[in-house]
Amino acid sequence: MIIRKAANEDVVMIRQLWREIFGDSYKYIDFFLEKRYNSNDCFVCCDNENVVAMLHALPCKFVSDGK
C-alpha cells in the first residue's frame, strides 16, 4: 500500500468509497466534490491502483476566546 496526494483521476474512486463507507447521497457527495474538494488537500491510501482510504485535510481557521 502507498499513501499519496490525491490526483484528479482518483475522484471516481473517492466518490465510490465515500458512498460505500458513509452511505451519503450522490447529490451530497457531488456537492462536496464540486465545491470543497481540492486534490492538494486530499490524501489517499492505495492498494495497487485502488483507493482504499482517504483523508480530506481541509484548510480552516481556528478561533479560541474570540482570537
Protein backbone atom coordinates (compact mmCIF):
# COMPACT_ATOMS: atom_id res chain seq x y z
CA MET A 1 0.00 0.00 0.00
CA ILE A 2 1.04 3.56 -0.63
CA ILE A 3 -0.17 6.89 0.78
CA ARG A 4 0.00 9.87 -1.57
CA LYS A 5 -1.70 13.11 -2.51
CA ALA A 6 -4.86 12.55 -4.49
CA ALA A 7 -4.83 13.08 -8.24
CA ASN A 8 -7.70 14.21 -10.45
CA GLU A 9 -8.13 10.68 -11.77
CA ASP A 10 -8.84 9.44 -8.21
CA VAL A 11 -12.15 11.33 -7.94
CA VAL A 12 -14.22 8.45 -9.31
CA MET A 13 -12.82 6.04 -6.72
CA ILE A 14 -13.07 8.67 -3.94
CA ARG A 15 -16.76 9.14 -4.79
CA GLN A 16 -17.41 5.38 -4.77
CA LEU A 17 -15.53 4.83 -1.50
CA TRP A 18 -17.37 7.72 0.20
CA ARG A 19 -20.72 6.28 -0.85
CA GLU A 20 -19.78 2.76 0.28
CA ILE A 21 -18.42 3.80 3.69
CA PHE A 22 -20.70 6.69 4.70
CA GLY A 23 -23.83 5.97 2.66
CA ASP A 24 -24.33 9.65 1.74
CA SER A 25 -26.36 10.50 -1.34
CA TYR A 26 -24.54 11.09 -4.60
CA LYS A 27 -26.08 14.56 -4.58
CA TYR A 28 -24.30 15.38 -1.30
CA ILE A 29 -21.03 13.75 -2.35
CA ASP A 30 -21.03 15.57 -5.67
CA PHE A 31 -21.75 18.88 -3.94
CA PHE A 32 -18.69 18.40 -1.73
CA LEU A 33 -16.50 17.31 -4.62
CA GLU A 34 -17.58 20.28 -6.74
CA LYS A 35 -17.47 22.97 -4.03
CA ARG A 36 -14.82 21.91 -1.47
CA TYR A 37 -12.62 19.16 -2.92
CA ASN A 38 -9.08 20.09 -3.84
CA SER A 39 -6.60 17.37 -4.71
CA ASN A 40 -3.91 19.32 -2.83
CA ASP A 41 -5.92 18.86 0.40
CA CYS A 42 -6.72 15.18 -0.06
CA PHE A 43 -4.55 12.17 0.64
CA VAL A 44 -5.37 8.65 -0.46
CA CYS A 45 -4.15 5.22 0.53
CA CYS A 46 -3.97 2.90 -2.46
CA ASP A 47 -3.74 -0.86 -2.66
CA ASN A 48 -2.36 -1.44 -6.14
CA GLU A 49 -4.35 1.14 -8.13
CA ASN A 50 -7.45 1.15 -5.90
CA VAL A 51 -8.21 3.91 -3.39
CA VAL A 52 -8.98 2.11 -0.11
CA ALA A 53 -8.86 5.10 2.29
CA MET A 54 -8.85 8.89 2.07
CA LEU A 55 -8.22 11.94 4.22
CA HIS A 56 -9.56 15.39 3.37
CA ALA A 57 -7.34 17.92 5.19
CA LEU A 58 -9.49 20.98 4.59
CA PRO A 59 -7.91 24.32 5.48
CA CYS A 60 -9.71 26.19 8.22
CA LYS A 61 -9.22 28.94 10.78
CA PHE A 62 -9.27 28.13 14.48
CA VAL A 63 -10.78 30.70 16.83
CA SER A 64 -10.45 30.45 20.59
CA ASP A 65 -11.85 33.01 23.03
CA GLY A 66 -12.59 35.37 20.14
CA LYS A 67 -8.95 35.39 18.98
